[in-house]
All heavy atoms as atom14 arrays in JSON, in Angstrom:
{
  "sequence": "DQYGIEYETIFQKFLKKLTGQVNYDILAHGISAYRKVAVEHIVPY",
  "atom14_mask": [
    [1, 1, 1, 1, 1, 1, 1, 1, 0, 0, 0, 0, 0, 0],
    [1, 1, 1, 1, 1, 1, 1, 1, 1, 0, 0, 0, 0, 0],
    [1, 1, 1, 1, 1, 1, 1, 1, 1, 1, 1, 1, 0, 0],
    [1, 1, 1, 1, 0, 0, 0, 0, 0, 0, 0, 0, 0, 0],
    [1, 1, 1, 1, 1, 1, 1, 1, 0, 0, 0, 0, 0, 0],
    [1, 1, 1, 1, 1, 1, 1, 1, 1, 0, 0, 0, 0, 0],
    [1, 1, 1, 1, 1, 1, 1, 1, 1, 1, 1, 1, 0, 0],
    [1, 1, 1, 1, 1, 1, 1, 1, 1, 0, 0, 0, 0, 0],
    [1, 1, 1, 1, 1, 1, 1, 0, 0, 0, 0, 0, 0, 0],
    [1, 1, 1, 1, 1, 1, 1, 1, 0, 0, 0, 0, 0, 0],
    [1, 1, 1, 1, 1, 1, 1, 1, 1, 1, 1, 0, 0, 0],
    [1, 1, 1, 1, 1, 1, 1, 1, 1, 0, 0, 0, 0, 0],
    [1, 1, 1, 1, 1, 1, 1, 1, 1, 0, 0, 0, 0, 0],
    [1, 1, 1, 1, 1, 1, 1, 1, 1, 1, 1, 0, 0, 0],
    [1, 1, 1, 1, 1, 1, 1, 1, 0, 0, 0, 0, 0, 0],
    [1, 1, 1, 1, 1, 1, 1, 1, 1, 0, 0, 0, 0, 0],
    [1, 1, 1, 1, 1, 1, 1, 1, 1, 0, 0, 0, 0, 0],
    [1, 1, 1, 1, 1, 1, 1, 1, 0, 0, 0, 0, 0, 0],
    [1, 1, 1, 1, 1, 1, 1, 0, 0, 0, 0, 0, 0, 0],
    [1, 1, 1, 1, 0, 0, 0, 0, 0, 0, 0, 0, 0, 0],
    [1, 1, 1, 1, 1, 1, 1, 1, 1, 0, 0, 0, 0, 0],
    [1, 1, 1, 1, 1, 1, 1, 0, 0, 0, 0, 0, 0, 0],
    [1, 1, 1, 1, 1, 1, 1, 1, 0, 0, 0, 0, 0, 0],
    [1, 1, 1, 1, 1, 1, 1, 1, 1, 1, 1, 1, 0, 0],
    [1, 1, 1, 1, 1, 1, 1, 1, 0, 0, 0, 0, 0, 0],
    [1, 1, 1, 1, 1, 1, 1, 1, 0, 0, 0, 0, 0, 0],
    [1, 1, 1, 1, 1, 1, 1, 1, 0, 0, 0, 0, 0, 0],
    [1, 1, 1, 1, 1, 0, 0, 0, 0, 0, 0, 0, 0, 0],
    [1, 1, 1, 1, 1, 1, 1, 1, 1, 1, 0, 0, 0, 0],
    [1, 1, 1, 1, 0, 0, 0, 0, 0, 0, 0, 0, 0, 0],
    [1, 1, 1, 1, 1, 1, 1, 1, 0, 0, 0, 0, 0, 0],
    [1, 1, 1, 1, 1, 1, 0, 0, 0, 0, 0, 0, 0, 0],
    [1, 1, 1, 1, 1, 0, 0, 0, 0, 0, 0, 0, 0, 0],
    [1, 1, 1, 1, 1, 1, 1, 1, 1, 1, 1, 1, 0, 0],
    [1, 1, 1, 1, 1, 1, 1, 1, 1, 1, 1, 0, 0, 0],
    [1, 1, 1, 1, 1, 1, 1, 1, 1, 0, 0, 0, 0, 0],
    [1, 1, 1, 1, 1, 1, 1, 0, 0, 0, 0, 0, 0, 0],
    [1, 1, 1, 1, 1, 0, 0, 0, 0, 0, 0, 0, 0, 0],
    [1, 1, 1, 1, 1, 1, 1, 0, 0, 0, 0, 0, 0, 0],
    [1, 1, 1, 1, 1, 1, 1, 1, 1, 0, 0, 0, 0, 0],
    [1, 1, 1, 1, 1, 1, 1, 1, 1, 1, 0, 0, 0, 0],
    [1, 1, 1, 1, 1, 1, 1, 1, 0, 0, 0, 0, 0, 0],
    [1, 1, 1, 1, 1, 1, 1, 0, 0, 0, 0, 0, 0, 0],
    [1, 1, 1, 1, 1, 1, 1, 0, 0, 0, 0, 0, 0, 0],
    [1, 1, 1, 1, 1, 1, 1, 1, 1, 1, 1, 1, 0, 0]
  ],
  "atom14_positions": [
    [[3.8, -11.46, -3.36], [4.49, -12.74, -3.58], [5.83, -12.58, -4.27], [6.79, -13.25, -3.99], [3.6, -13.7, -4.43], [2.43, -14.21, -3.66], [2.46, -14.19, -2.43], [1.43, -14.64, -4.33], [0.0, 0.0, 0.0], [0.0, 0.0, 0.0], [0.0, 0.0, 0.0], [0.0, 0.0, 0.0], [0.0, 0.0, 0.0], [0.0, 0.0, 0.0]],
    [[5.87, -11.59, -5.19], [7.11, -11.33, -5.95], [8.15, -10.58, -5.16], [9.34, -10.91, -5.19], [6.75, -10.56, -7.21], [7.96, -10.23, -8.13], [7.54, -9.5, -9.37], [6.37, -9.33, -9.67], [8.54, -9.06, -10.11], [0.0, 0.0, 0.0], [0.0, 0.0, 0.0], [0.0, 0.0, 0.0], [0.0, 0.0, 0.0], [0.0, 0.0, 0.0]],
    [[7.73, -9.54, -4.42], [8.67, -8.64, -3.77], [8.78, -8.86, -2.26], [9.7, -8.35, -1.62], [8.3, -7.16, -3.97], [8.43, -6.78, -5.44], [7.35, -6.75, -6.32], [9.7, -6.43, -5.94], [7.52, -6.35, -7.64], [9.88, -6.09, -7.28], [8.76, -6.03, -8.12], [8.93, -5.66, -9.44], [0.0, 0.0, 0.0], [0.0, 0.0, 0.0]],
    [[7.84, -9.63, -1.65], [7.93, -9.88, -0.23], [6.76, -9.17, 0.47], [6.37, -8.06, 0.14], [0.0, 0.0, 0.0], [0.0, 0.0, 0.0], [0.0, 0.0, 0.0], [0.0, 0.0, 0.0], [0.0, 0.0, 0.0], [0.0, 0.0, 0.0], [0.0, 0.0, 0.0], [0.0, 0.0, 0.0], [0.0, 0.0, 0.0], [0.0, 0.0, 0.0]],
    [[6.2, -9.86, 1.51], [5.03, -9.37, 2.2], [5.28, -8.04, 2.98], [4.34, -7.34, 3.31], [4.48, -10.42, 3.15], [2.99, -10.14, 3.5], [5.34, -10.56, 4.39], [2.03, -10.29, 2.36], [0.0, 0.0, 0.0], [0.0, 0.0, 0.0], [0.0, 0.0, 0.0], [0.0, 0.0, 0.0], [0.0, 0.0, 0.0], [0.0, 0.0, 0.0]],
    [[6.53, -7.72, 3.23], [6.84, -6.48, 3.94], [7.36, -5.34, 3.01], [7.78, -4.32, 3.48], [7.95, -6.75, 5.02], [7.56, -7.76, 6.06], [6.69, -7.2, 7.14], [6.26, -6.06, 7.03], [6.48, -7.92, 8.13], [0.0, 0.0, 0.0], [0.0, 0.0, 0.0], [0.0, 0.0, 0.0], [0.0, 0.0, 0.0], [0.0, 0.0, 0.0]],
    [[7.25, -5.56, 1.74], [7.8, -4.58, 0.77], [7.11, -3.25, 0.97], [5.93, -3.09, 0.84], [7.59, -5.11, -0.66], [8.38, -4.33, -1.7], [9.76, -4.61, -1.83], [7.81, -3.43, -2.55], [10.51, -3.96, -2.78], [8.56, -2.75, -3.49], [9.91, -3.03, -3.61], [10.67, -2.36, -4.55], [0.0, 0.0, 0.0], [0.0, 0.0, 0.0]],
    [[7.93, -2.21, 1.25], [7.4, -0.94, 1.75], [6.79, -0.06, 0.66], [5.92, 0.79, 0.96], [8.45, -0.18, 2.51], [8.88, -0.85, 3.78], [9.83, 0.0, 4.63], [10.26, 1.03, 4.15], [10.11, -0.41, 5.77], [0.0, 0.0, 0.0], [0.0, 0.0, 0.0], [0.0, 0.0, 0.0], [0.0, 0.0, 0.0], [0.0, 0.0, 0.0]],
    [[7.18, -0.19, -0.59], [6.63, 0.65, -1.67], [5.76, -0.2, -2.62], [5.75, 0.04, -3.79], [7.74, 1.35, -2.45], [8.67, 0.36, -2.97], [8.5, 2.32, -1.54], [0.0, 0.0, 0.0], [0.0, 0.0, 0.0], [0.0, 0.0, 0.0], [0.0, 0.0, 0.0], [0.0, 0.0, 0.0], [0.0, 0.0, 0.0], [0.0, 0.0, 0.0]],
    [[5.0, -1.11, -2.03], [4.19, -2.02, -2.86], [3.12, -1.31, -3.59], [2.75, -1.65, -4.71], [3.62, -3.17, -1.98], [3.16, -4.36, -2.83], [2.47, -2.68, -1.09], [4.31, -5.11, -3.41], [0.0, 0.0, 0.0], [0.0, 0.0, 0.0], [0.0, 0.0, 0.0], [0.0, 0.0, 0.0], [0.0, 0.0, 0.0], [0.0, 0.0, 0.0]],
    [[2.47, -0.26, -2.97], [1.44, 0.48, -3.69], [1.97, 1.22, -4.89], [1.26, 1.38, -5.9], [0.74, 1.44, -2.72], [-0.33, 0.78, -1.82], [-0.52, -0.57, -1.85], [-1.06, 1.5, -0.95], [-1.48, -1.16, -1.05], [-2.04, 0.95, -0.13], [-2.22, -0.41, -0.19], [0.0, 0.0, 0.0], [0.0, 0.0, 0.0], [0.0, 0.0, 0.0]],
    [[3.22, 1.71, -4.8], [3.78, 2.33, -6.0], [3.97, 1.29, -7.11], [3.65, 1.56, -8.31], [5.16, 2.94, -5.64], [5.08, 4.2, -4.81], [5.13, 3.94, -3.29], [4.57, 2.96, -2.81], [5.82, 4.8, -2.55], [0.0, 0.0, 0.0], [0.0, 0.0, 0.0], [0.0, 0.0, 0.0], [0.0, 0.0, 0.0], [0.0, 0.0, 0.0]],
    [[4.44, 0.11, -6.76], [4.58, -0.99, -7.73], [3.24, -1.36, -8.35], [3.09, -1.58, -9.53], [5.22, -2.21, -7.06], [6.64, -2.07, -6.65], [7.58, -2.22, -7.85], [9.03, -2.23, -7.39], [9.97, -2.26, -8.52], [0.0, 0.0, 0.0], [0.0, 0.0, 0.0], [0.0, 0.0, 0.0], [0.0, 0.0, 0.0], [0.0, 0.0, 0.0]],
    [[2.24, -1.38, -7.45], [0.9, -1.72, -7.87], [0.3, -0.73, -8.89], [-0.21, -1.09, -9.93], [-0.02, -1.77, -6.62], [-1.5, -1.77, -6.9], [-2.14, -2.94, -7.35], [-2.24, -0.63, -6.71], [-3.5, -2.95, -7.63], [-3.59, -0.65, -6.95], [-4.21, -1.8, -7.4], [0.0, 0.0, 0.0], [0.0, 0.0, 0.0], [0.0, 0.0, 0.0]],
    [[0.44, 0.56, -8.57], [-0.08, 1.62, -9.47], [0.67, 1.63, -10.78], [0.07, 1.8, -11.88], [-0.02, 2.98, -8.79], [-1.0, 3.2, -7.64], [-0.7, 4.53, -6.97], [-2.42, 3.22, -8.18], [0.0, 0.0, 0.0], [0.0, 0.0, 0.0], [0.0, 0.0, 0.0], [0.0, 0.0, 0.0], [0.0, 0.0, 0.0], [0.0, 0.0, 0.0]],
    [[1.95, 1.41, -10.74], [2.77, 1.37, -11.93], [2.33, 0.22, -12.85], [2.24, 0.36, -14.05], [4.25, 1.21, -11.54], [5.23, 1.36, -12.69], [5.45, 2.77, -13.14], [6.51, 2.86, -14.2], [6.67, 4.25, -14.7], [0.0, 0.0, 0.0], [0.0, 0.0, 0.0], [0.0, 0.0, 0.0], [0.0, 0.0, 0.0], [0.0, 0.0, 0.0]],
    [[2.1, -0.91, -12.24], [1.72, -2.11, -13.01], [0.3, -1.94, -13.58], [0.01, -2.33, -14.7], [1.74, -3.32, -12.11], [1.44, -4.67, -12.87], [1.6, -5.84, -11.92], [1.3, -7.16, -12.68], [2.32, -7.46, -13.72], [0.0, 0.0, 0.0], [0.0, 0.0, 0.0], [0.0, 0.0, 0.0], [0.0, 0.0, 0.0], [0.0, 0.0, 0.0]],
    [[-0.58, -1.29, -12.8], [-1.98, -1.2, -13.2], [-2.22, -0.08, -14.21], [-2.99, -0.25, -15.17], [-2.83, -0.99, -11.95], [-4.36, -1.29, -12.12], [-4.58, -2.75, -12.36], [-5.12, -0.83, -10.9], [0.0, 0.0, 0.0], [0.0, 0.0, 0.0], [0.0, 0.0, 0.0], [0.0, 0.0, 0.0], [0.0, 0.0, 0.0], [0.0, 0.0, 0.0]],
    [[-1.5, 1.07, -13.98], [-1.82, 2.23, -14.82], [-0.64, 2.74, -15.65], [-0.75, 3.61, -16.47], [-2.32, 3.41, -13.94], [-1.24, 3.86, -13.08], [-3.46, 2.97, -13.09], [0.0, 0.0, 0.0], [0.0, 0.0, 0.0], [0.0, 0.0, 0.0], [0.0, 0.0, 0.0], [0.0, 0.0, 0.0], [0.0, 0.0, 0.0], [0.0, 0.0, 0.0]],
    [[0.58, 2.2, -15.32], [1.76, 2.65, -16.04], [2.43, 3.86, -15.4], [3.47, 4.29, -15.87], [0.0, 0.0, 0.0], [0.0, 0.0, 0.0], [0.0, 0.0, 0.0], [0.0, 0.0, 0.0], [0.0, 0.0, 0.0], [0.0, 0.0, 0.0], [0.0, 0.0, 0.0], [0.0, 0.0, 0.0], [0.0, 0.0, 0.0], [0.0, 0.0, 0.0]],
    [[1.83, 4.39, -14.33], [2.4, 5.53, -13.65], [1.93, 5.57, -12.21], [1.05, 4.84, -11.8], [1.99, 6.82, -14.35], [0.5, 7.06, -14.33], [0.12, 8.35, -15.06], [0.97, 9.09, -15.57], [-1.19, 8.61, -15.18], [0.0, 0.0, 0.0], [0.0, 0.0, 0.0], [0.0, 0.0, 0.0], [0.0, 0.0, 0.0], [0.0, 0.0, 0.0]],
    [[2.58, 6.41, -11.41], [2.19, 6.56, -10.0], [1.52, 7.91, -9.82], [2.17, 8.99, -9.92], [3.41, 6.46, -9.08], [2.95, 6.7, -7.61], [4.07, 5.1, -9.2], [0.0, 0.0, 0.0], [0.0, 0.0, 0.0], [0.0, 0.0, 0.0], [0.0, 0.0, 0.0], [0.0, 0.0, 0.0], [0.0, 0.0, 0.0], [0.0, 0.0, 0.0]],
    [[0.21, 7.92, -9.56], [-0.54, 9.15, -9.29], [-0.42, 9.3, -7.77], [-0.98, 8.5, -6.99], [-2.0, 8.98, -9.68], [-2.81, 10.23, -9.42], [-2.81, 10.77, -8.3], [-3.58, 10.69, -10.42], [0.0, 0.0, 0.0], [0.0, 0.0, 0.0], [0.0, 0.0, 0.0], [0.0, 0.0, 0.0], [0.0, 0.0, 0.0], [0.0, 0.0, 0.0]],
    [[0.28, 10.33, -7.31], [0.55, 10.47, -5.91], [-0.62, 10.88, -5.03], [-0.66, 10.63, -3.86], [1.78, 11.45, -5.68], [3.06, 10.77, -6.0], [3.6, 10.75, -7.27], [3.76, 10.02, -5.03], [4.77, 10.14, -7.59], [4.93, 9.37, -5.34], [5.42, 9.42, -6.59], [6.58, 8.73, -6.9], [0.0, 0.0, 0.0], [0.0, 0.0, 0.0]],
    [[-1.61, 11.48, -5.66], [-2.87, 11.77, -4.97], [-3.58, 10.47, -4.58], [-3.93, 10.23, -3.44], [-3.76, 12.65, -5.81], [-5.08, 13.02, -5.14], [-5.12, 12.98, -3.88], [-6.06, 13.29, -5.84], [0.0, 0.0, 0.0], [0.0, 0.0, 0.0], [0.0, 0.0, 0.0], [0.0, 0.0, 0.0], [0.0, 0.0, 0.0], [0.0, 0.0, 0.0]],
    [[-3.7, 9.6, -5.6], [-4.34, 8.29, -5.39], [-3.49, 7.45, -4.41], [-4.01, 6.78, -3.5], [-4.52, 7.58, -6.73], [-5.61, 8.29, -7.53], [-4.86, 6.09, -6.53], [-5.8, 7.71, -8.95], [0.0, 0.0, 0.0], [0.0, 0.0, 0.0], [0.0, 0.0, 0.0], [0.0, 0.0, 0.0], [0.0, 0.0, 0.0], [0.0, 0.0, 0.0]],
    [[-2.18, 7.49, -4.59], [-1.23, 6.72, -3.74], [-1.45, 7.14, -2.25], [-1.53, 6.28, -1.37], [0.19, 6.97, -4.17], [1.28, 6.38, -3.23], [1.19, 4.88, -3.24], [2.66, 6.85, -3.71], [0.0, 0.0, 0.0], [0.0, 0.0, 0.0], [0.0, 0.0, 0.0], [0.0, 0.0, 0.0], [0.0, 0.0, 0.0], [0.0, 0.0, 0.0]],
    [[-1.48, 8.44, -2.01], [-1.6, 8.91, -0.67], [-2.9, 8.46, 0.02], [-2.92, 8.13, 1.19], [-1.53, 10.46, -0.65], [0.0, 0.0, 0.0], [0.0, 0.0, 0.0], [0.0, 0.0, 0.0], [0.0, 0.0, 0.0], [0.0, 0.0, 0.0], [0.0, 0.0, 0.0], [0.0, 0.0, 0.0], [0.0, 0.0, 0.0], [0.0, 0.0, 0.0]],
    [[-3.98, 8.43, -0.75], [-5.28, 7.97, -0.23], [-5.13, 6.51, 0.2], [-5.64, 6.06, 1.21], [-6.42, 8.13, -1.23], [-6.98, 9.49, -1.28], [-6.39, 10.54, -1.97], [-8.08, 10.04, -0.68], [-7.14, 11.63, -1.84], [-8.15, 11.35, -1.02], [0.0, 0.0, 0.0], [0.0, 0.0, 0.0], [0.0, 0.0, 0.0], [0.0, 0.0, 0.0]],
    [[-4.46, 5.71, -0.65], [-4.3, 4.28, -0.36], [-3.47, 4.01, 0.86], [-3.83, 3.22, 1.72], [0.0, 0.0, 0.0], [0.0, 0.0, 0.0], [0.0, 0.0, 0.0], [0.0, 0.0, 0.0], [0.0, 0.0, 0.0], [0.0, 0.0, 0.0], [0.0, 0.0, 0.0], [0.0, 0.0, 0.0], [0.0, 0.0, 0.0], [0.0, 0.0, 0.0]],
    [[-2.34, 4.73, 0.91], [-1.45, 4.56, 2.08], [-2.12, 4.98, 3.39], [-1.98, 4.31, 4.44], [-0.11, 5.33, 1.87], [0.66, 4.67, 0.71], [0.73, 5.35, 3.12], [1.91, 5.46, 0.31], [0.0, 0.0, 0.0], [0.0, 0.0, 0.0], [0.0, 0.0, 0.0], [0.0, 0.0, 0.0], [0.0, 0.0, 0.0], [0.0, 0.0, 0.0]],
    [[-2.77, 6.14, 3.34], [-3.46, 6.61, 4.52], [-4.5, 5.62, 5.06], [-4.56, 5.36, 6.23], [-4.13, 7.94, 4.2], [-4.81, 8.46, 5.36], [0.0, 0.0, 0.0], [0.0, 0.0, 0.0], [0.0, 0.0, 0.0], [0.0, 0.0, 0.0], [0.0, 0.0, 0.0], [0.0, 0.0, 0.0], [0.0, 0.0, 0.0], [0.0, 0.0, 0.0]],
    [[-5.3, 5.1, 4.16], [-6.35, 4.11, 4.55], [-5.69, 2.83, 5.08], [-6.15, 2.26, 6.09], [-7.24, 3.8, 3.34], [0.0, 0.0, 0.0], [0.0, 0.0, 0.0], [0.0, 0.0, 0.0], [0.0, 0.0, 0.0], [0.0, 0.0, 0.0], [0.0, 0.0, 0.0], [0.0, 0.0, 0.0], [0.0, 0.0, 0.0], [0.0, 0.0, 0.0]],
    [[-4.63, 2.39, 4.41], [-3.93, 1.18, 4.87], [-3.42, 1.35, 6.28], [-3.62, 0.48, 7.15], [-2.75, 0.92, 3.9], [-1.92, -0.3, 4.26], [-2.09, -1.44, 3.55], [-0.98, -0.22, 5.32], [-1.32, -2.62, 3.89], [-0.25, -1.36, 5.64], [-0.39, -2.53, 4.9], [0.36, -3.63, 5.25], [0.0, 0.0, 0.0], [0.0, 0.0, 0.0]],
    [[-2.79, 2.46, 6.56], [-2.17, 2.68, 7.89], [-3.23, 2.81, 8.96], [-3.03, 2.34, 10.09], [-1.29, 3.95, 7.87], [-0.01, 3.74, 7.09], [0.83, 4.99, 6.99], [2.11, 4.76, 6.34], [2.96, 5.71, 5.96], [2.61, 7.01, 6.19], [4.1, 5.41, 5.37], [0.0, 0.0, 0.0], [0.0, 0.0, 0.0], [0.0, 0.0, 0.0]],
    [[-4.35, 3.46, 8.66], [-5.41, 3.62, 9.65], [-5.97, 2.28, 10.06], [-6.14, 1.96, 11.23], [-6.53, 4.48, 9.07], [-7.69, 4.71, 10.04], [-8.75, 5.61, 9.44], [-9.91, 5.82, 10.43], [-10.97, 6.63, 9.84], [0.0, 0.0, 0.0], [0.0, 0.0, 0.0], [0.0, 0.0, 0.0], [0.0, 0.0, 0.0], [0.0, 0.0, 0.0]],
    [[-6.22, 1.38, 9.06], [-6.73, 0.06, 9.38], [-5.7, -0.79, 10.09], [-6.01, -1.58, 10.97], [-7.21, -0.63, 8.08], [-7.6, -2.1, 8.31], [-8.43, 0.11, 7.54], [0.0, 0.0, 0.0], [0.0, 0.0, 0.0], [0.0, 0.0, 0.0], [0.0, 0.0, 0.0], [0.0, 0.0, 0.0], [0.0, 0.0, 0.0], [0.0, 0.0, 0.0]],
    [[-4.44, -0.63, 9.73], [-3.38, -1.42, 10.43], [-3.35, -1.17, 11.9], [-3.26, -2.12, 12.68], [-2.0, -1.05, 9.79], [0.0, 0.0, 0.0], [0.0, 0.0, 0.0], [0.0, 0.0, 0.0], [0.0, 0.0, 0.0], [0.0, 0.0, 0.0], [0.0, 0.0, 0.0], [0.0, 0.0, 0.0], [0.0, 0.0, 0.0], [0.0, 0.0, 0.0]],
    [[-3.5, 0.1, 12.29], [-3.49, 0.41, 13.72], [-4.66, -0.25, 14.43], [-4.52, -0.77, 15.56], [-3.57, 1.96, 13.89], [-3.81, 2.33, 15.38], [-2.3, 2.63, 13.4], [0.0, 0.0, 0.0], [0.0, 0.0, 0.0], [0.0, 0.0, 0.0], [0.0, 0.0, 0.0], [0.0, 0.0, 0.0], [0.0, 0.0, 0.0], [0.0, 0.0, 0.0]],
    [[-5.79, -0.35, 13.75], [-6.98, -0.91, 14.35], [-6.89, -2.45, 14.42], [-7.53, -3.07, 15.28], [-8.21, -0.51, 13.58], [-8.48, 1.01, 13.56], [-9.56, 1.42, 12.59], [-9.96, 0.54, 11.77], [-9.96, 2.6, 12.62], [0.0, 0.0, 0.0], [0.0, 0.0, 0.0], [0.0, 0.0, 0.0], [0.0, 0.0, 0.0], [0.0, 0.0, 0.0]],
    [[-6.17, -3.06, 13.49], [-6.17, -4.52, 13.38], [-4.96, -5.21, 13.94], [-4.95, -6.48, 13.95], [-6.38, -4.92, 11.88], [-7.76, -4.77, 11.4], [-8.39, -3.54, 11.2], [-8.72, -5.66, 11.11], [-9.6, -3.71, 10.78], [-9.85, -5.0, 10.72], [0.0, 0.0, 0.0], [0.0, 0.0, 0.0], [0.0, 0.0, 0.0], [0.0, 0.0, 0.0]],
    [[-3.98, -4.53, 14.35], [-2.82, -5.17, 15.0], [-3.18, -5.4, 16.47], [-2.88, -4.59, 17.33], [-1.54, -4.34, 14.9], [-1.2, -4.12, 13.4], [-0.36, -5.1, 15.55], [0.01, -3.18, 13.17], [0.0, 0.0, 0.0], [0.0, 0.0, 0.0], [0.0, 0.0, 0.0], [0.0, 0.0, 0.0], [0.0, 0.0, 0.0], [0.0, 0.0, 0.0]],
    [[-3.81, -6.55, 16.7], [-4.23, -6.89, 18.05], [-3.73, -8.31, 18.34], [-3.57, -9.13, 17.42], [-5.77, -6.86, 18.18], [-6.27, -5.42, 18.01], [-6.42, -7.76, 17.18], [0.0, 0.0, 0.0], [0.0, 0.0, 0.0], [0.0, 0.0, 0.0], [0.0, 0.0, 0.0], [0.0, 0.0, 0.0], [0.0, 0.0, 0.0], [0.0, 0.0, 0.0]],
    [[-3.46, -8.62, 19.61], [-2.95, -9.96, 19.92], [-4.04, -10.98, 19.81], [-5.25, -10.7, 19.98], [-2.47, -9.81, 21.37], [-3.25, -8.66, 21.94], [-3.53, -7.75, 20.78], [0.0, 0.0, 0.0], [0.0, 0.0, 0.0], [0.0, 0.0, 0.0], [0.0, 0.0, 0.0], [0.0, 0.0, 0.0], [0.0, 0.0, 0.0], [0.0, 0.0, 0.0]],
    [[-3.65, -12.2, 19.5], [-4.61, -13.35, 19.56], [-5.18, -13.42, 21.0], [-4.55, -12.99, 21.95], [-3.89, -14.64, 19.24], [-3.62, -14.93, 17.79], [-2.33, -15.08, 17.32], [-4.65, -15.19, 16.91], [-2.06, -15.4, 16.0], [-4.44, -15.52, 15.61], [-3.12, -15.63, 15.13], [-2.91, -15.96, 13.82], [0.0, 0.0, 0.0], [0.0, 0.0, 0.0]]
  ]
}
């Protein structure tokens, strides 16, 4: 809501807000899972 629904580094902002830092191992797991599900769920009505 603050940065926009298409904000590309939102997980970095999220981790920074939640933990005060960006753990890139954790970040990579999140991004990888996000992208995998996106491919499966971008389907036409």
